[in-house]
Amino acid sequence: MAQTLPNRDDRIELRTTREEKRLLTAAAAHERLDVTSFIMRAVLPAALDVVENAERISLSERDSLRLLDLLENPPAPTPALLAAARRRIARGGKSA
């Protein structure tokens, strides 16, 4: 079954040297792709890795165990937290 390609309407301007453009064009031709598809196929996985690594929090085993313990046995609220909650309720604040 034929796969439909996404509609690519947005544009990105890319400046290259003449030699870089020649190399990209040749590589795309060898893969039977247009230059845009060749570049996108290469850079999108790299972009996804960068974003995922930037947005992922990695915890050590010790920190993971501490977090699980805090979730199962939360500490009592501090006076400052209770005061903040009272101020929020007094303002008619809604929970997040």
PDB file of N, CA and C in Angstrom:
ATOM      1  N   MET A   1       0.837  -1.175   0.000  1.00  0.00           N
ATOM      2  CA  MET A   1       0.000   0.000   0.000  1.00  0.00           C
ATOM      3  C   MET A   1       0.886   1.244   0.000  1.00  0.00           C
ATOM      4  N   ALA A   2       0.605   2.198  -0.830  1.00  0.00           N
ATOM      5  CA  ALA A   2       1.416   3.400  -0.950  1.00  0.00           C
ATOM      6  C   ALA A   2       1.250   4.274   0.290  1.00  0.00           C
ATOM      7  N   GLN A   3       2.374   4.826   0.729  1.00  0.00           N
ATOM      8  CA  GLN A   3       2.367   5.691   1.900  1.00  0.00           C
ATOM      9  C   GLN A   3       2.260   7.139   1.437  1.00  0.00           C
ATOM     10  N   THR A   4       1.347   7.897   2.060  1.00  0.00           N
ATOM     11  CA  THR A   4       1.211   9.300   1.677  1.00  0.00           C
ATOM     12  C   THR A   4       2.230  10.119   2.438  1.00  0.00           C
ATOM     13  N   LEU A   5       2.850  11.051   1.766  1.00  0.00           N
ATOM     14  CA  LEU A   5       3.849  11.918   2.379  1.00  0.00           C
ATOM     15  C   LEU A   5       3.170  13.113   3.023  1.00  0.00           C
ATOM     16  N   PRO A   6       3.747  13.619   4.103  1.00  0.00           N
ATOM     17  CA  PRO A   6       3.160  14.801   4.739  1.00  0.00           C
ATOM     18  C   PRO A   6       3.248  16.001   3.807  1.00  0.00           C
ATOM     19  N   ASN A   7       2.292  16.895   3.945  1.00  0.00           N
ATOM     20  CA  ASN A   7       2.283  18.109   3.139  1.00  0.00           C
ATOM     21  C   ASN A   7       3.291  19.084   3.726  1.00  0.00           C
ATOM     22  N   ARG A   8       4.357  19.346   2.994  1.00  0.00           N
ATOM     23  CA  ARG A   8       5.417  20.227   3.486  1.00  0.00           C
ATOM     24  C   ARG A   8       5.232  21.615   2.887  1.00  0.00           C
ATOM     25  N   ASP A   9       4.560  22.472   3.664  1.00  0.00           N
ATOM     26  CA  ASP A   9       4.319  23.834   3.198  1.00  0.00           C
ATOM     27  C   ASP A   9       5.260  24.857   3.813  1.00  0.00           C
ATOM     28  N   ASP A  10       5.795  24.575   5.021  1.00  0.00           N
ATOM     29  CA  ASP A  10       6.706  25.518   5.664  1.00  0.00           C
ATOM     30  C   ASP A  10       8.074  25.437   5.016  1.00  0.00           C
ATOM     31  N   ARG A  11       8.801  26.551   5.106  1.00  0.00           N
ATOM     32  CA  ARG A  11      10.098  26.619   4.454  1.00  0.00           C
ATOM     33  C   ARG A  11      11.194  26.897   5.462  1.00  0.00           C
ATOM     34  N   ILE A  12      12.362  26.350   5.186  1.00  0.00           N
ATOM     35  CA  ILE A  12      13.588  26.645   5.921  1.00  0.00           C
ATOM     36  C   ILE A  12      14.628  27.015   4.876  1.00  0.00           C
ATOM     37  N   GLU A  13      15.288  28.126   5.095  1.00  0.00           N
ATOM     38  CA  GLU A  13      16.346  28.520   4.166  1.00  0.00           C
ATOM     39  C   GLU A  13      17.648  27.926   4.653  1.00  0.00           C
ATOM     40  N   LEU A  14      18.382  27.314   3.746  1.00  0.00           N
ATOM     41  CA  LEU A  14      19.636  26.667   4.084  1.00  0.00           C
ATOM     42  C   LEU A  14      20.716  27.178   3.144  1.00  0.00           C
ATOM     43  N   ARG A  15      21.728  27.783   3.707  1.00  0.00           N
ATOM     44  CA  ARG A  15      22.834  28.275   2.884  1.00  0.00           C
ATOM     45  C   ARG A  15      23.977  27.273   2.938  1.00  0.00           C
ATOM     46  N   THR A  16      24.541  26.957   1.786  1.00  0.00           N
ATOM     47  CA  THR A  16      25.642  26.001   1.701  1.00  0.00           C
ATOM     48  C   THR A  16      26.712  26.542   0.771  1.00  0.00           C
ATOM     49  N   THR A  17      27.846  25.896   0.818  1.00  0.00           N
ATOM     50  CA  THR A  17      28.849  26.189  -0.204  1.00  0.00           C
ATOM     51  C   THR A  17      28.444  25.450  -1.466  1.00  0.00           C
ATOM     52  N   ARG A  18      29.056  25.802  -2.561  1.00  0.00           N
ATOM     53  CA  ARG A  18      28.757  25.127  -3.824  1.00  0.00           C
ATOM     54  C   ARG A  18      29.099  23.635  -3.716  1.00  0.00           C
ATOM     55  N   GLU A  19      30.221  23.331  -3.042  1.00  0.00           N
ATOM     56  CA  GLU A  19      30.642  21.941  -2.903  1.00  0.00           C
ATOM     57  C   GLU A  19      29.677  21.156  -2.008  1.00  0.00           C
ATOM     58  N   GLU A  20      29.195  21.769  -0.928  1.00  0.00           N
ATOM     59  CA  GLU A  20      28.224  21.098  -0.061  1.00  0.00           C
ATOM     60  C   GLU A  20      26.935  20.799  -0.814  1.00  0.00           C
ATOM     61  N   LYS A  21      26.484  21.758  -1.609  1.00  0.00           N
ATOM     62  CA  LYS A  21      25.268  21.546  -2.389  1.00  0.00           C
ATOM     63  C   LYS A  21      25.466  20.435  -3.407  1.00  0.00           C
ATOM     64  N   ARG A  22      26.623  20.417  -4.064  1.00  0.00           N
ATOM     65  CA  ARG A  22      26.907  19.366  -5.035  1.00  0.00           C
ATOM     66  C   ARG A  22      26.896  18.002  -4.364  1.00  0.00           C
ATOM     67  N   LEU A  23      27.496  17.916  -3.172  1.00  0.00           N
ATOM     68  CA  LEU A  23      27.544  16.654  -2.445  1.00  0.00           C
ATOM     69  C   LEU A  23      26.145  16.206  -2.016  1.00  0.00           C
ATOM     70  N   LEU A  24      25.343  17.128  -1.487  1.00  0.00           N
ATOM     71  CA  LEU A  24      23.975  16.791  -1.077  1.00  0.00           C
ATOM     72  C   LEU A  24      23.136  16.343  -2.272  1.00  0.00           C
ATOM     73  N   THR A  25      23.285  17.025  -3.378  1.00  0.00           N
ATOM     74  CA  THR A  25      22.528  16.684  -4.582  1.00  0.00           C
ATOM     75  C   THR A  25      22.927  15.299  -5.087  1.00  0.00           C
ATOM     76  N   ALA A  26      24.229  15.020  -5.072  1.00  0.00           N
ATOM     77  CA  ALA A  26      24.698  13.712  -5.537  1.00  0.00           C
ATOM     78  C   ALA A  26      24.215  12.604  -4.604  1.00  0.00           C
ATOM     79  N   ALA A  27      24.314  12.833  -3.303  1.00  0.00           N
ATOM     80  CA  ALA A  27      23.878  11.819  -2.340  1.00  0.00           C
ATOM     81  C   ALA A  27      22.379  11.563  -2.470  1.00  0.00           C
ATOM     82  N   ALA A  28      21.600  12.619  -2.616  1.00  0.00           N
ATOM     83  CA  ALA A  28      20.154  12.467  -2.783  1.00  0.00           C
ATOM     84  C   ALA A  28      19.843  11.675  -4.050  1.00  0.00           C
ATOM     85  N   ALA A  29      20.562  11.958  -5.126  1.00  0.00           N
ATOM     86  CA  ALA A  29      20.336  11.237  -6.384  1.00  0.00           C
ATOM     87  C   ALA A  29      20.651   9.752  -6.224  1.00  0.00           C
ATOM     88  N   HIS A  30      21.717   9.428  -5.505  1.00  0.00           N
ATOM     89  CA  HIS A  30      22.069   8.022  -5.280  1.00  0.00           C
ATOM     90  C   HIS A  30      20.980   7.294  -4.486  1.00  0.00           C
ATOM     91  N   GLU A  31      20.303   8.018  -3.617  1.00  0.00           N
ATOM     92  CA  GLU A  31      19.225   7.435  -2.815  1.00  0.00           C
ATOM     93  C   GLU A  31      17.868   7.556  -3.499  1.00  0.00           C
ATOM     94  N   ARG A  32      17.852   8.138  -4.703  1.00  0.00           N
ATOM     95  CA  ARG A  32      16.625   8.379  -5.467  1.00  0.00           C
ATOM     96  C   ARG A  32      15.631   9.231  -4.670  1.00  0.00           C
ATOM     97  N   LEU A  33      16.182  10.293  -4.052  1.00  0.00           N
ATOM     98  CA  LEU A  33      15.381  11.242  -3.283  1.00  0.00           C
ATOM     99  C   LEU A  33      15.665  12.635  -3.787  1.00  0.00           C
ATOM    100  N   ASP A  34      14.710  13.539  -3.521  1.00  0.00           N
ATOM    101  CA  ASP A  34      15.030  14.941  -3.766  1.00  0.00           C
ATOM    102  C   ASP A  34      15.879  15.409  -2.582  1.00  0.00           C
ATOM    103  N   VAL A  35      16.561  16.533  -2.737  1.00  0.00           N
ATOM    104  CA  VAL A  35      17.485  17.012  -1.712  1.00  0.00           C
ATOM    105  C   VAL A  35      16.756  17.262  -0.389  1.00  0.00           C
ATOM    106  N   THR A  36      15.562  17.838  -0.444  1.00  0.00           N
ATOM    107  CA  THR A  36      14.807  18.096   0.789  1.00  0.00           C
ATOM    108  C   THR A  36      14.529  16.803   1.538  1.00  0.00           C
ATOM    109  N   SER A  37      14.058  15.780   0.845  1.00  0.00           N
ATOM    110  CA  SER A  37      13.764  14.505   1.496  1.00  0.00           C
ATOM    111  C   SER A  37      15.028  13.866   2.054  1.00  0.00           C
ATOM    112  N   PHE A  38      16.119  13.978   1.324  1.00  0.00           N
ATOM    113  CA  PHE A  38      17.393  13.421   1.786  1.00  0.00           C
ATOM    114  C   PHE A  38      17.837  14.099   3.079  1.00  0.00           C
ATOM    115  N   ILE A  39      17.769  15.423   3.105  1.00  0.00           N
ATOM    116  CA  ILE A  39      18.179  16.169   4.303  1.00  0.00           C
ATOM    117  C   ILE A  39      17.240  15.864   5.464  1.00  0.00           C
ATOM    118  N   MET A  40      15.934  15.884   5.220  1.00  0.00           N
ATOM    119  CA  MET A  40      14.973  15.651   6.293  1.00  0.00           C
ATOM    120  C   MET A  40      15.137  14.253   6.883  1.00  0.00           C
ATOM    121  N   ARG A  41      15.405  13.274   6.034  1.00  0.00           N
ATOM    122  CA  ARG A  41      15.574  11.901   6.512  1.00  0.00           C
ATOM    123  C   ARG A  41      16.774  11.813   7.451  1.00  0.00           C
ATOM    124  N   ALA A  42      17.784  12.627   7.205  1.00  0.00           N
ATOM    125  CA  ALA A  42      18.983  12.585   8.037  1.00  0.00           C
ATOM    126  C   ALA A  42      18.850  13.426   9.307  1.00  0.00           C
ATOM    127  N   VAL A  43      18.236  14.606   9.206  1.00  0.00           N
ATOM    128  CA  VAL A  43      18.252  15.523  10.350  1.00  0.00           C
ATOM    129  C   VAL A  43      17.097  15.330  11.325  1.00  0.00           C
ATOM    130  N   LEU A  44      15.956  14.843  10.888  1.00  0.00           N
ATOM    131  CA  LEU A  44      14.828  14.699  11.812  1.00  0.00           C
ATOM    132  C   LEU A  44      15.120  13.727  12.965  1.00  0.00           C
ATOM    133  N   PRO A  45      15.713  12.556  12.720  1.00  0.00           N
ATOM    134  CA  PRO A  45      16.053  11.700  13.862  1.00  0.00           C
ATOM    135  C   PRO A  45      17.046  12.363  14.820  1.00  0.00           C
ATOM    136  N   ALA A  46      18.008  13.112  14.279  1.00  0.00           N
ATOM    137  CA  ALA A  46      18.969  13.805  15.135  1.00  0.00           C
ATOM    138  C   ALA A  46      18.268  14.878  15.964  1.00  0.00           C
ATOM    139  N   ALA A  47      17.347  15.616  15.354  1.00  0.00           N
ATOM    140  CA  ALA A  47      16.598  16.646  16.077  1.00  0.00           C
ATOM    141  C   ALA A  47      15.743  16.016  17.170  1.00  0.00           C
ATOM    142  N   LEU A  48      15.118  14.907  16.875  1.00  0.00           N
ATOM    143  CA  LEU A  48      14.299  14.210  17.865  1.00  0.00           C
ATOM    144  C   LEU A  48      15.150  13.765  19.053  1.00  0.00           C
ATOM    145  N   ASP A  49      16.340  13.228  18.788  1.00  0.00           N
ATOM    146  CA  ASP A  49      17.244  12.818  19.870  1.00  0.00           C
ATOM    147  C   ASP A  49      17.631  14.006  20.750  1.00  0.00           C
ATOM    148  N   VAL A  50      17.952  15.131  20.139  1.00  0.00           N
ATOM    149  CA  VAL A  50      18.345  16.321  20.901  1.00  0.00           C
ATOM    150  C   VAL A  50      17.206  16.767  21.807  1.00  0.00           C
ATOM    151  N   VAL A  51      15.994  16.855  21.273  1.00  0.00           N
ATOM    152  CA  VAL A  51      14.845  17.310  22.050  1.00  0.00           C
ATOM    153  C   VAL A  51      14.533  16.315  23.168  1.00  0.00           C
ATOM    154  N   GLU A  52      14.524  15.025  22.863  1.00  0.00           N
ATOM    155  CA  GLU A  52      14.227  14.025  23.892  1.00  0.00           C
ATOM    156  C   GLU A  52      15.259  14.049  25.010  1.00  0.00           C
ATOM    157  N   ASN A  53      16.538  14.174  24.664  1.00  0.00           N
ATOM    158  CA  ASN A  53      17.583  14.219  25.686  1.00  0.00           C
ATOM    159  C   ASN A  53      17.484  15.490  26.529  1.00  0.00           C
ATOM    160  N   ALA A  54      17.097  16.597  25.921  1.00  0.00           N
ATOM    161  CA  ALA A  54      16.977  17.856  26.660  1.00  0.00           C
ATOM    162  C   ALA A  54      15.772  17.842  27.589  1.00  0.00           C
ATOM    163  N   GLU A  55      14.732  17.099  27.239  1.00  0.00           N
ATOM    164  CA  GLU A  55      13.497  17.115  28.013  1.00  0.00           C
ATOM    165  C   GLU A  55      13.357  15.913  28.953  1.00  0.00           C
ATOM    166  N   ARG A  56      14.311  15.013  28.941  1.00  0.00           N
ATOM    167  CA  ARG A  56      14.252  13.816  29.780  1.00  0.00           C
ATOM    168  C   ARG A  56      15.062  14.054  31.047  1.00  0.00           C
ATOM    169  N   ILE A  57      14.532  13.604  32.155  1.00  0.00           N
ATOM    170  CA  ILE A  57      15.243  13.682  33.415  1.00  0.00           C
ATOM    171  C   ILE A  57      15.739  12.274  33.745  1.00  0.00           C
ATOM    172  N   SER A  58      17.035  12.150  33.936  1.00  0.00           N
ATOM    173  CA  SER A  58      17.613  10.857  34.289  1.00  0.00           C
ATOM    174  C   SER A  58      18.006  10.891  35.761  1.00  0.00           C
ATOM    175  N   LEU A  59      17.542   9.907  36.492  1.00  0.00           N
ATOM    176  CA  LEU A  59      17.845   9.829  37.911  1.00  0.00           C
ATOM    177  C   LEU A  59      18.756   8.645  38.184  1.00  0.00           C
ATOM    178  N   SER A  60      19.632   8.823  39.160  1.00  0.00           N
ATOM    179  CA  SER A  60      20.441   7.695  39.612  1.00  0.00           C
ATOM    180  C   SER A  60      19.520   6.722  40.340  1.00  0.00           C
ATOM    181  N   GLU A  61      20.023   5.532  40.603  1.00  0.00           N
ATOM    182  CA  GLU A  61      19.214   4.551  41.334  1.00  0.00           C
ATOM    183  C   GLU A  61      18.837   5.101  42.709  1.00  0.00           C
ATOM    184  N   ARG A  62      19.792   5.747  43.370  1.00  0.00           N
ATOM    185  CA  ARG A  62      19.530   6.316  44.689  1.00  0.00           C
ATOM    186  C   ARG A  62      18.426   7.361  44.625  1.00  0.00           C
ATOM    187  N   ASP A  63      18.500   8.268  43.620  1.00  0.00           N
ATOM    188  CA  ASP A  63      17.488   9.315  43.491  1.00  0.00           C
ATOM    189  C   ASP A  63      16.128   8.727  43.113  1.00  0.00           C
ATOM    190  N   SER A  64      16.129   7.686  42.289  1.00  0.00           N
ATOM    191  CA  SER A  64      14.862   7.037  41.921  1.00  0.00           C
ATOM    192  C   SER A  64      14.188   6.432  43.144  1.00  0.00           C
ATOM    193  N   LEU A  65      14.977   5.775  43.976  1.00  0.00           N
ATOM    194  CA  LEU A  65      14.423   5.181  45.195  1.00  0.00           C
ATOM    195  C   LEU A  65      13.915   6.260  46.144  1.00  0.00           C
ATOM    196  N   ARG A  66      14.644   7.370  46.233  1.00  0.00           N
ATOM    197  CA  ARG A  66      14.212   8.479  47.098  1.00  0.00           C
ATOM    198  C   ARG A  66      12.892   9.058  46.602  1.00  0.00           C
ATOM    199  N   LEU A  67      12.765   9.240  45.294  1.00  0.00           N
ATOM    200  CA  LEU A  67      11.531   9.774  44.718  1.00  0.00           C
ATOM    201  C   LEU A  67      10.354   8.834  44.992  1.00  0.00           C
ATOM    202  N   LEU A  68      10.553   7.550  44.776  1.00  0.00           N
ATOM    203  CA  LEU A  68       9.485   6.587  45.050  1.00  0.00           C
ATOM    204  C   LEU A  68       9.077   6.611  46.516  1.00  0.00           C
ATOM    205  N   ASP A  69      10.079   6.721  47.399  1.00  0.00           N
ATOM    206  CA  ASP A  69       9.770   6.789  48.830  1.00  0.00           C
ATOM    207  C   ASP A  69       8.961   8.036  49.149  1.00  0.00           C
ATOM    208  N   LEU A  70       9.333   9.175  48.554  1.00  0.00           N
ATOM    209  CA  LEU A  70       8.584  10.420  48.804  1.00  0.00           C
ATOM    210  C   LEU A  70       7.159  10.339  48.259  1.00  0.00           C
ATOM    211  N   LEU A  71       6.977   9.652  47.147  1.00  0.00           N
ATOM    212  CA  LEU A  71       5.630   9.496  46.602  1.00  0.00           C
ATOM    213  C   LEU A  71       4.768   8.603  47.497  1.00  0.00           C
ATOM    214  N   GLU A  72       5.373   7.570  48.038  1.00  0.00           N
ATOM    215  CA  GLU A  72       4.630   6.656  48.902  1.00  0.00           C
ATOM    216  C   GLU A  72       4.450   7.208  50.317  1.00  0.00           C
ATOM    217  N   ASN A  73       5.402   8.010  50.775  1.00  0.00           N
ATOM    218  CA  ASN A  73       5.380   8.558  52.130  1.00  0.00           C
ATOM    219  C   ASN A  73       5.672  10.057  52.078  1.00  0.00           C
ATOM    220  N   PRO A  74       4.729  10.855  51.592  1.00  0.00           N
ATOM    221  CA  PRO A  74       5.003  12.290  51.450  1.00  0.00           C
ATOM    222  C   PRO A  74       5.230  12.945  52.815  1.00  0.00           C
ATOM    223  N   PRO A  75       6.131  13.929  52.853  1.00  0.00           N
ATOM    224  CA  PRO A  75       6.373  14.624  54.109  1.00  0.00           C
ATOM    225  C   PRO A  75       5.173  15.506  54.461  1.00  0.00           C
ATOM    226  N   ALA A  76       5.079  15.851  55.732  1.00  0.00           N
ATOM    227  CA  ALA A  76       4.012  16.755  56.169  1.00  0.00           C
ATOM    228  C   ALA A  76       4.256  18.133  55.560  1.00  0.00           C
ATOM    229  N   PRO A  77       3.196  18.871  55.236  1.00  0.00           N
ATOM    230  CA  PRO A  77       3.387  20.198  54.656  1.00  0.00           C
ATOM    231  C   PRO A  77       4.068  21.134  55.658  1.00  0.00           C
ATOM    232  N   THR A  78       4.930  21.981  55.142  1.00  0.00           N
ATOM    233  CA  THR A  78       5.633  22.955  55.983  1.00  0.00           C
ATOM    234  C   THR A  78       4.704  24.127  56.273  1.00  0.00           C
ATOM    235  N   PRO A  79       5.005  24.908  57.294  1.00  0.00           N
ATOM    236  CA  PRO A  79       4.191  26.095  57.563  1.00  0.00           C
ATOM    237  C   PRO A  79       4.122  27.036  56.356  1.00  0.00           C
ATOM    238  N   ALA A  80       5.218  27.182  55.633  1.00  0.00           N
ATOM    239  CA  ALA A  80       5.219  28.069  54.467  1.00  0.00           C
ATOM    240  C   ALA A  80       4.275  27.541  53.386  1.00  0.00           C
ATOM    241  N   LEU A  81       4.252  26.247  53.175  1.00  0.00           N
ATOM    242  CA  LEU A  81       3.355  25.660  52.179  1.00  0.00           C
ATOM    243  C   LEU A  81       1.901  25.836  52.596  1.00  0.00           C
ATOM    244  N   LEU A  82       1.614  25.611  53.865  1.00  0.00           N
ATOM    245  CA  LEU A  82       0.245  25.798  54.352  1.00  0.00           C
ATOM    246  C   LEU A  82      -0.200  27.249  54.203  1.00  0.00           C
ATOM    247  N   ALA A  83       0.700  28.200  54.499  1.00  0.00           N
ATOM    248  CA  ALA A  83       0.371  29.619  54.350  1.00  0.00           C
ATOM    249  C   ALA A  83       0.112  29.963  52.888  1.00  0.00           C
ATOM    250  N   ALA A  84       0.912  29.428  51.991  1.00  0.00           N
ATOM    251  CA  ALA A  84       0.713  29.676  50.564  1.00  0.00           C
ATOM    252  C   ALA A  84      -0.625  29.117  50.103  1.00  0.00           C
ATOM    253  N   ALA A  85      -0.986  27.938  50.595  1.00  0.00           N
ATOM    254  CA  ALA A  85      -2.267  27.335  50.225  1.00  0.00           C
ATOM    255  C   ALA A  85      -3.425  28.181  50.735  1.00  0.00           C
ATOM    256  N   ARG A  86      -3.298  28.699  51.965  1.00  0.00           N
ATOM    257  CA  ARG A  86      -4.370  29.551  52.507  1.00  0.00           C
ATOM    258  C   ARG A  86      -4.511  30.832  51.691  1.00  0.00           C
ATOM    259  N   ARG A  87      -3.393  31.417  51.288  1.00  0.00           N
ATOM    260  CA  ARG A  87      -3.448  32.645  50.464  1.00  0.00           C
ATOM    261  C   ARG A  87      -4.121  32.354  49.120  1.00  0.00           C
ATOM    262  N   ARG A  88      -3.808  31.246  48.544  1.00  0.00           N
ATOM    263  CA  ARG A  88      -4.384  30.894  47.241  1.00  0.00           C
ATOM    264  C   ARG A  88      -5.891  30.680  47.365  1.00  0.00           C
ATOM    265  N   ILE A  89      -6.307  29.979  48.419  1.00  0.00           N
ATOM    266  CA  ILE A  89      -7.734  29.748  48.649  1.00  0.00           C
ATOM    267  C   ILE A  89      -8.445  31.065  48.908  1.00  0.00           C
ATOM    268  N   ALA A  90      -7.811  31.947  49.659  1.00  0.00           N
ATOM    269  CA  ALA A  90      -8.418  33.237  49.981  1.00  0.00           C
ATOM    270  C   ALA A  90      -8.620  34.078  48.717  1.00  0.00           C
ATOM    271  N   ARG A  91      -7.721  33.924  47.729  1.00  0.00           N
ATOM    272  CA  ARG A  91      -7.845  34.654  46.459  1.00  0.00           C
ATOM    273  C   ARG A  91      -8.859  33.991  45.546  1.00  0.00           C
ATOM    274  N   GLY A  92      -9.381  32.865  45.940  1.00  0.00           N
ATOM    275  CA  GLY A  92     -10.306  32.141  45.057  1.00  0.00           C
ATOM    276  C   GLY A  92      -9.584  31.387  43.969  1.00  0.00           C
ATOM    277  N   GLY A  93      -8.328  31.032  44.220  1.00  0.00           N
ATOM    278  CA  GLY A  93      -7.507  30.332  43.223  1.00  0.00           C
ATOM    279  C   GLY A  93      -8.020  28.946  42.949  1.00  0.00           C
ATOM    280  N   LYS A  94      -7.785  28.527  41.728  1.00  0.00           N
ATOM    281  CA  LYS A  94      -8.187  27.181  41.306  1.00  0.00           C
ATOM    282  C   LYS A  94      -6.960  26.300  41.298  1.00  0.00           C
ATOM    283  N   SER A  95      -7.172  25.020  41.520  1.00  0.00           N
ATOM    284  CA  SER A  95      -6.043  24.093  41.457  1.00  0.00           C
ATOM    285  C   SER A  95      -5.619  23.903  40.021  1.00  0.00           C
ATOM    286  N   ALA A  96      -4.346  23.548  39.859  1.00  0.00           N
ATOM    287  CA  ALA A  96      -3.764  23.389  38.519  1.00  0.00           C
ATOM    288  C   ALA A  96      -4.253  22.153  37.823  1.00  0.00           C
TER     289      ALA A  96
END
